[in-house]
């Protein structure tokens, strides 16, 4: 199997599959995650080919756009990889990265210790970095608009004790999402590089929220 060729084919496959995707989960999201992952991987003992391939395919079919069906992404990736002659071990590794990379998977206690790999941890960090900071703020409000959710409702408190299914069904205002996910990601990073970058982006979100609430109150 020609690894460079498979990476190029994966790029084309992802670009075509996500050409009409919601703006926070499109090809540009994939490319940012790939860049983050490859940068983080420089300081980790990991297979760079698997990191790059897993990053490219990690959001090939995000369950939130498939009525919550978490099997679609792994199936699409498996079909693609089989078509291009990938080995079974590689296919299973990439499928597991897709299954366990998301934040919501961390809310499912049954998932603990089901699958672990350095490549998964790196891609998780890269994906989480794209969910925070300036890009994370933009993505959160883009998705909130896509789902026609309110920006903020002072009468709806964030739910800080959600399990996986409750999280998947949430229709809360976008500001609540900061407390229910985005502000939690800094402490869920796996790598030192990820933690350092997350601290910077976390501070930016805190400053944004301070400004948001000041403007929400209106001119004094």
C-alpha atoms as a PDB file:
ATOM      1  CA  UNK A   1       0.000   0.000   0.000  1.00  0.00           C
ATOM      2  CA  UNK A   2       1.367   3.396  -1.021  1.00  0.00           C
ATOM      3  CA  UNK A   3       0.853   5.580   2.059  1.00  0.00           C
ATOM      4  CA  UNK A   4       1.287   8.908   0.274  1.00  0.00           C
ATOM      5  CA  UNK A   5      -1.203   7.884  -2.378  1.00  0.00           C
ATOM      6  CA  UNK A   6      -3.731   6.803   0.263  1.00  0.00           C
ATOM      7  CA  UNK A   7      -3.411  10.179   1.987  1.00  0.00           C
ATOM      8  CA  UNK A   8      -4.057  11.987  -1.324  1.00  0.00           C
ATOM      9  CA  UNK A   9      -7.041   9.756  -2.040  1.00  0.00           C
ATOM     10  CA  UNK A  10      -8.377  10.388   1.460  1.00  0.00           C
ATOM     11  CA  UNK A  11      -8.101  14.138   0.912  1.00  0.00           C
ATOM     12  CA  UNK A  12     -10.119  13.898  -2.291  1.00  0.00           C
ATOM     13  CA  UNK A  13     -12.676  11.594  -0.646  1.00  0.00           C
ATOM     14  CA  UNK A  14     -13.193  13.918   2.328  1.00  0.00           C
ATOM     15  CA  UNK A  15     -13.400  17.084   0.197  1.00  0.00           C
ATOM     16  CA  UNK A  16     -16.043  15.493  -2.018  1.00  0.00           C
ATOM     17  CA  UNK A  17     -18.025  13.991   0.875  1.00  0.00           C
ATOM     18  CA  UNK A  18     -18.080  17.234   2.884  1.00  0.00           C
ATOM     19  CA  UNK A  19     -18.525  19.712   0.035  1.00  0.00           C
ATOM     20  CA  UNK A  20     -21.977  20.747   1.297  1.00  0.00           C
ATOM     21  CA  UNK A  21     -21.275  20.304   5.019  1.00  0.00           C
ATOM     22  CA  UNK A  22     -22.214  22.780   7.759  1.00  0.00           C
ATOM     23  CA  UNK A  23     -19.441  25.367   8.105  1.00  0.00           C
ATOM     24  CA  UNK A  24     -18.087  24.109  11.405  1.00  0.00           C
ATOM     25  CA  UNK A  25     -17.730  20.532  10.192  1.00  0.00           C
ATOM     26  CA  UNK A  26     -16.501  21.040   6.642  1.00  0.00           C
ATOM     27  CA  UNK A  27     -13.220  20.358   4.831  1.00  0.00           C
ATOM     28  CA  UNK A  28     -11.582  23.374   6.456  1.00  0.00           C
ATOM     29  CA  UNK A  29     -12.313  21.903   9.905  1.00  0.00           C
ATOM     30  CA  UNK A  30     -10.691  18.656   8.780  1.00  0.00           C
ATOM     31  CA  UNK A  31      -7.644  20.468   7.453  1.00  0.00           C
ATOM     32  CA  UNK A  32      -7.208  22.460  10.676  1.00  0.00           C
ATOM     33  CA  UNK A  33      -7.449  19.282  12.744  1.00  0.00           C
ATOM     34  CA  UNK A  34      -4.908  17.587  10.498  1.00  0.00           C
ATOM     35  CA  UNK A  35      -2.457  20.474  10.888  1.00  0.00           C
ATOM     36  CA  UNK A  36      -2.954  20.551  14.662  1.00  0.00           C
ATOM     37  CA  UNK A  37      -2.548  16.792  14.905  1.00  0.00           C
ATOM     38  CA  UNK A  38       0.639  16.663  12.857  1.00  0.00           C
ATOM     39  CA  UNK A  39       2.127  19.476  14.922  1.00  0.00           C
ATOM     40  CA  UNK A  40       1.238  17.799  18.238  1.00  0.00           C
ATOM     41  CA  UNK A  41       2.511  14.440  16.956  1.00  0.00           C
ATOM     42  CA  UNK A  42       6.037  15.851  16.594  1.00  0.00           C
ATOM     43  CA  UNK A  43       6.402  15.666  20.363  1.00  0.00           C
ATOM     44  CA  UNK A  44       4.757  12.267  20.771  1.00  0.00           C
ATOM     45  CA  UNK A  45       5.680   8.661  20.052  1.00  0.00           C
ATOM     46  CA  UNK A  46       3.094   7.967  17.363  1.00  0.00           C
ATOM     47  CA  UNK A  47       2.651   6.695  13.815  1.00  0.00           C
ATOM     48  CA  UNK A  48       2.431   9.870  11.729  1.00  0.00           C
ATOM     49  CA  UNK A  49       0.691   8.085   8.869  1.00  0.00           C
ATOM     50  CA  UNK A  50      -2.122   6.905  11.151  1.00  0.00           C
ATOM     51  CA  UNK A  51      -2.334  10.351  12.745  1.00  0.00           C
ATOM     52  CA  UNK A  52      -2.759  12.020   9.357  1.00  0.00           C
ATOM     53  CA  UNK A  53      -5.166   9.441   7.972  1.00  0.00           C
ATOM     54  CA  UNK A  54      -7.218   9.361  11.168  1.00  0.00           C
ATOM     55  CA  UNK A  55      -7.412  13.152  11.268  1.00  0.00           C
ATOM     56  CA  UNK A  56      -8.596  13.245   7.655  1.00  0.00           C
ATOM     57  CA  UNK A  57     -11.347  10.697   8.281  1.00  0.00           C
ATOM     58  CA  UNK A  58     -12.323  11.521  11.874  1.00  0.00           C
ATOM     59  CA  UNK A  59     -15.421  13.562  10.921  1.00  0.00           C
ATOM     60  CA  UNK A  60     -16.359  11.920   7.630  1.00  0.00           C
ATOM     61  CA  UNK A  61     -19.931  11.504   8.912  1.00  0.00           C
ATOM     62  CA  UNK A  62     -20.522  13.308  12.204  1.00  0.00           C
ATOM     63  CA  UNK A  63     -23.416  11.559  13.941  1.00  0.00           C
ATOM     64  CA  UNK A  64     -25.219  14.838  14.674  1.00  0.00           C
ATOM     65  CA  UNK A  65     -25.933  15.162  10.947  1.00  0.00           C
ATOM     66  CA  UNK A  66     -27.143  11.551  10.667  1.00  0.00           C
ATOM     67  CA  UNK A  67     -29.909  11.512  13.289  1.00  0.00           C
ATOM     68  CA  UNK A  68     -27.390  10.571  15.957  1.00  0.00           C
ATOM     69  CA  UNK A  69     -26.272   7.386  14.176  1.00  0.00           C
ATOM     70  CA  UNK A  70     -22.660   6.841  15.263  1.00  0.00           C
ATOM     71  CA  UNK A  71     -22.126   3.879  12.938  1.00  0.00           C
ATOM     72  CA  UNK A  72     -22.154   5.886   9.707  1.00  0.00           C
ATOM     73  CA  UNK A  73     -18.690   7.422  10.064  1.00  0.00           C
ATOM     74  CA  UNK A  74     -16.822   4.175  10.767  1.00  0.00           C
ATOM     75  CA  UNK A  75     -18.718   2.451   7.932  1.00  0.00           C
ATOM     76  CA  UNK A  76     -17.868   5.171   5.409  1.00  0.00           C
ATOM     77  CA  UNK A  77     -14.214   5.082   6.430  1.00  0.00           C
ATOM     78  CA  UNK A  78     -14.100   1.280   6.238  1.00  0.00           C
ATOM     79  CA  UNK A  79     -15.626   1.254   2.762  1.00  0.00           C
ATOM     80  CA  UNK A  80     -13.130   3.839   1.548  1.00  0.00           C
ATOM     81  CA  UNK A  81     -10.116   2.079   3.055  1.00  0.00           C
ATOM     82  CA  UNK A  82     -11.186  -1.366   1.820  1.00  0.00           C
ATOM     83  CA  UNK A  83     -11.638   0.002  -1.693  1.00  0.00           C
ATOM     84  CA  UNK A  84      -8.030   1.161  -1.671  1.00  0.00           C
ATOM     85  CA  UNK A  85      -6.523  -2.004  -0.225  1.00  0.00           C
ATOM     86  CA  UNK A  86      -5.770  -0.947   3.327  1.00  0.00           C
ATOM     87  CA  UNK A  87      -4.819  -3.670   5.800  1.00  0.00           C
ATOM     88  CA  UNK A  88      -7.429  -4.854   8.301  1.00  0.00           C
ATOM     89  CA  UNK A  89      -5.382  -3.644  11.292  1.00  0.00           C
ATOM     90  CA  UNK A  90      -5.217  -0.117   9.877  1.00  0.00           C
ATOM     91  CA  UNK A  91      -8.923  -0.114   9.057  1.00  0.00           C
ATOM     92  CA  UNK A  92      -9.849  -1.127  12.607  1.00  0.00           C
ATOM     93  CA  UNK A  93      -7.533   1.481  14.094  1.00  0.00           C
ATOM     94  CA  UNK A  94      -9.054   4.287  12.015  1.00  0.00           C
ATOM     95  CA  UNK A  95     -12.593   3.089  12.769  1.00  0.00           C
ATOM     96  CA  UNK A  96     -11.824   3.182  16.490  1.00  0.00           C
ATOM     97  CA  UNK A  97     -10.398   6.685  16.203  1.00  0.00           C
ATOM     98  CA  UNK A  98     -13.674   7.791  14.609  1.00  0.00           C
ATOM     99  CA  UNK A  99     -15.740   5.982  17.261  1.00  0.00           C
ATOM    100  CA  UNK A 100     -13.944   7.419  20.275  1.00  0.00           C
ATOM    101  CA  UNK A 101     -12.551  10.804  19.204  1.00  0.00           C
ATOM    102  CA  UNK A 102     -15.570  12.928  20.132  1.00  0.00           C
ATOM    103  CA  UNK A 103     -16.260  14.776  23.374  1.00  0.00           C
ATOM    104  CA  UNK A 104     -19.574  12.985  23.797  1.00  0.00           C
ATOM    105  CA  UNK A 105     -17.731   9.669  23.961  1.00  0.00           C
ATOM    106  CA  UNK A 106     -16.064  10.892  27.150  1.00  0.00           C
ATOM    107  CA  UNK A 107     -19.544  11.210  28.687  1.00  0.00           C
ATOM    108  CA  UNK A 108     -20.208   7.507  28.121  1.00  0.00           C
ATOM    109  CA  UNK A 109     -18.720   5.666  31.092  1.00  0.00           C
ATOM    110  CA  UNK A 110     -18.944   2.371  29.173  1.00  0.00           C
ATOM    111  CA  UNK A 111     -16.314   3.704  26.772  1.00  0.00           C
ATOM    112  CA  UNK A 112     -13.593   3.853  29.398  1.00  0.00           C
ATOM    113  CA  UNK A 113     -10.590   1.730  28.399  1.00  0.00           C
ATOM    114  CA  UNK A 114     -12.430   0.286  25.378  1.00  0.00           C
ATOM    115  CA  UNK A 115      -9.807   1.645  22.993  1.00  0.00           C
ATOM    116  CA  UNK A 116      -6.634   3.631  23.491  1.00  0.00           C
ATOM    117  CA  UNK A 117      -3.774   4.624  21.204  1.00  0.00           C
ATOM    118  CA  UNK A 118      -1.282   7.499  20.964  1.00  0.00           C
ATOM    119  CA  UNK A 119      -2.804   8.407  17.600  1.00  0.00           C
ATOM    120  CA  UNK A 120      -6.307   8.666  19.067  1.00  0.00           C
ATOM    121  CA  UNK A 121      -5.072  10.862  21.921  1.00  0.00           C
ATOM    122  CA  UNK A 122      -3.303  13.199  19.479  1.00  0.00           C
ATOM    123  CA  UNK A 123      -6.311  13.510  17.171  1.00  0.00           C
ATOM    124  CA  UNK A 124      -8.599  14.068  20.160  1.00  0.00           C
ATOM    125  CA  UNK A 125      -6.428  16.978  21.255  1.00  0.00           C
ATOM    126  CA  UNK A 126      -6.319  18.399  17.726  1.00  0.00           C
ATOM    127  CA  UNK A 127     -10.093  18.128  17.367  1.00  0.00           C
ATOM    128  CA  UNK A 128     -10.683  19.667  20.786  1.00  0.00           C
ATOM    129  CA  UNK A 129      -8.376  22.569  19.988  1.00  0.00           C
ATOM    130  CA  UNK A 130     -10.559  23.367  16.983  1.00  0.00           C
ATOM    131  CA  UNK A 131     -13.567  23.518  19.310  1.00  0.00           C
ATOM    132  CA  UNK A 132     -12.107  26.277  21.503  1.00  0.00           C
ATOM    133  CA  UNK A 133     -10.571  29.717  21.076  1.00  0.00           C
ATOM    134  CA  UNK A 134     -11.661  32.067  18.289  1.00  0.00           C
ATOM    135  CA  UNK A 135     -12.372  29.241  15.859  1.00  0.00           C
ATOM    136  CA  UNK A 136     -14.315  27.369  18.522  1.00  0.00           C
ATOM    137  CA  UNK A 137     -16.472  30.418  19.219  1.00  0.00           C
ATOM    138  CA  UNK A 138     -17.170  30.861  15.515  1.00  0.00           C
ATOM    139  CA  UNK A 139     -18.026  27.183  15.091  1.00  0.00           C
ATOM    140  CA  UNK A 140     -20.323  27.155  18.110  1.00  0.00           C
ATOM    141  CA  UNK A 141     -22.413  30.063  16.874  1.00  0.00           C
ATOM    142  CA  UNK A 142     -22.383  28.813  13.303  1.00  0.00           C
ATOM    143  CA  UNK A 143     -23.837  25.478  14.429  1.00  0.00           C
ATOM    144  CA  UNK A 144     -26.292  27.216  16.759  1.00  0.00           C
ATOM    145  CA  UNK A 145     -27.539  29.271  13.812  1.00  0.00           C
ATOM    146  CA  UNK A 146     -27.677  26.158  11.650  1.00  0.00           C
ATOM    147  CA  UNK A 147     -29.984  24.582  14.268  1.00  0.00           C
ATOM    148  CA  UNK A 148     -31.890  27.851  14.859  1.00  0.00           C
ATOM    149  CA  UNK A 149     -30.966  27.944  18.546  1.00  0.00           C
ATOM    150  CA  UNK A 150     -31.045  31.122  20.661  1.00  0.00           C
ATOM    151  CA  UNK A 151     -27.756  32.832  21.369  1.00  0.00           C
ATOM    152  CA  UNK A 152     -28.462  32.998  25.089  1.00  0.00           C
ATOM    153  CA  UNK A 153     -31.373  32.728  27.493  1.00  0.00           C
ATOM    154  CA  UNK A 154     -30.676  33.819  31.090  1.00  0.00           C
ATOM    155  CA  UNK A 155     -33.548  31.632  32.275  1.00  0.00           C
ATOM    156  CA  UNK A 156     -31.986  28.415  30.945  1.00  0.00           C
ATOM    157  CA  UNK A 157     -29.078  27.233  33.074  1.00  0.00           C
ATOM    158  CA  UNK A 158     -26.303  25.076  31.612  1.00  0.00           C
ATOM    159  CA  UNK A 159     -26.654  21.366  32.387  1.00  0.00           C
ATOM    160  CA  UNK A 160     -23.357  20.340  33.948  1.00  0.00           C
ATOM    161  CA  UNK A 161     -24.336  16.737  34.630  1.00  0.00           C
ATOM    162  CA  UNK A 162     -25.273  15.411  31.206  1.00  0.00           C
ATOM    163  CA  UNK A 163     -24.707  11.854  30.134  1.00  0.00           C
ATOM    164  CA  UNK A 164     -23.994  11.029  26.511  1.00  0.00           C
ATOM    165  CA  UNK A 165     -27.613  10.648  25.389  1.00  0.00           C
ATOM    166  CA  UNK A 166     -28.749  13.839  27.118  1.00  0.00           C
ATOM    167  CA  UNK A 167     -25.873  15.723  25.487  1.00  0.00           C
ATOM    168  CA  UNK A 168     -26.810  14.403  22.038  1.00  0.00           C
ATOM    169  CA  UNK A 169     -30.435  15.537  22.468  1.00  0.00           C
ATOM    170  CA  UNK A 170     -29.673  18.978  23.911  1.00  0.00           C
ATOM    171  CA  UNK A 171     -31.231  22.019  22.215  1.00  0.00           C
ATOM    172  CA  UNK A 172     -29.858  24.554  24.664  1.00  0.00           C
ATOM    173  CA  UNK A 173     -28.764  28.098  23.738  1.00  0.00           C
ATOM    174  CA  UNK A 174     -25.288  28.410  22.278  1.00  0.00           C
ATOM    175  CA  UNK A 175     -23.825  30.187  25.311  1.00  0.00           C
ATOM    176  CA  UNK A 176     -24.741  27.161  27.432  1.00  0.00           C
ATOM    177  CA  UNK A 177     -22.525  25.062  25.165  1.00  0.00           C
ATOM    178  CA  UNK A 178     -19.488  26.927  26.483  1.00  0.00           C
ATOM    179  CA  UNK A 179     -20.162  25.611  29.995  1.00  0.00           C
ATOM    180  CA  UNK A 180     -21.396  22.191  28.932  1.00  0.00           C
ATOM    181  CA  UNK A 181     -18.398  21.481  26.672  1.00  0.00           C
ATOM    182  CA  UNK A 182     -16.011  24.173  25.456  1.00  0.00           C
ATOM    183  CA  UNK A 183     -14.731  25.391  28.821  1.00  0.00           C
ATOM    184  CA  UNK A 184     -14.234  21.785  29.945  1.00  0.00           C
ATOM    185  CA  UNK A 185     -11.891  20.833  27.124  1.00  0.00           C
ATOM    186  CA  UNK A 186      -8.762  22.465  28.576  1.00  0.00           C
ATOM    187  CA  UNK A 187      -8.702  19.865  31.347  1.00  0.00           C
ATOM    188  CA  UNK A 188      -9.406  16.965  28.984  1.00  0.00           C
ATOM    189  CA  UNK A 189      -6.310  17.350  26.818  1.00  0.00           C
ATOM    190  CA  UNK A 190      -4.040  14.317  26.539  1.00  0.00           C
ATOM    191  CA  UNK A 191      -0.688  15.801  25.511  1.00  0.00           C
ATOM    192  CA  UNK A 192       1.537  18.556  26.863  1.00  0.00           C
ATOM    193  CA  UNK A 193       1.437  20.383  23.529  1.00  0.00           C
ATOM    194  CA  UNK A 194      -2.330  20.164  23.518  1.00  0.00           C
ATOM    195  CA  UNK A 195      -2.577  21.431  27.077  1.00  0.00           C
ATOM    196  CA  UNK A 196      -0.356  24.433  26.341  1.00  0.00           C
ATOM    197  CA  UNK A 197      -2.355  25.470  23.281  1.00  0.00           C
ATOM    198  CA  UNK A 198      -5.645  24.827  25.062  1.00  0.00           C
ATOM    199  CA  UNK A 199      -4.734  27.159  27.934  1.00  0.00           C
ATOM    200  CA  UNK A 200      -4.263  30.045  25.498  1.00  0.00           C
ATOM    201  CA  UNK A 201      -7.521  29.397  23.677  1.00  0.00           C
ATOM    202  CA  UNK A 202      -9.398  28.882  26.940  1.00  0.00           C
ATOM    203  CA  UNK A 203      -8.390  32.358  28.123  1.00  0.00           C
ATOM    204  CA  UNK A 204      -9.682  33.843  24.886  1.00  0.00           C
ATOM    205  CA  UNK A 205     -13.091  32.242  25.440  1.00  0.00           C
ATOM    206  CA  UNK A 206     -13.255  33.579  28.990  1.00  0.00           C
ATOM    207  CA  UNK A 207     -12.548  37.096  27.711  1.00  0.00           C
ATOM    208  CA  UNK A 208     -15.213  36.655  25.037  1.00  0.00           C
ATOM    209  CA  UNK A 209     -17.810  35.586  27.610  1.00  0.00           C
ATOM    210  CA  UNK A 210     -16.993  38.563  29.850  1.00  0.00           C
ATOM    211  CA  UNK A 211     -17.499  40.904  26.895  1.00  0.00           C
ATOM    212  CA  UNK A 212     -20.658  39.067  25.789  1.00  0.00           C
ATOM    213  CA  UNK A 213     -22.338  39.493  29.183  1.00  0.00           C
ATOM    214  CA  UNK A 214     -21.343  43.171  29.363  1.00  0.00           C
ATOM    215  CA  UNK A 215     -22.910  43.827  25.976  1.00  0.00           C
ATOM    216  CA  UNK A 216     -25.972  41.709  26.832  1.00  0.00           C
ATOM    217  CA  UNK A 217     -26.694  43.994  29.784  1.00  0.00           C
ATOM    218  CA  UNK A 218     -26.685  46.979  27.445  1.00  0.00           C
ATOM    219  CA  UNK A 219     -25.359  50.490  27.842  1.00  0.00           C
ATOM    220  CA  UNK A 220     -25.352  51.628  31.451  1.00  0.00           C
END
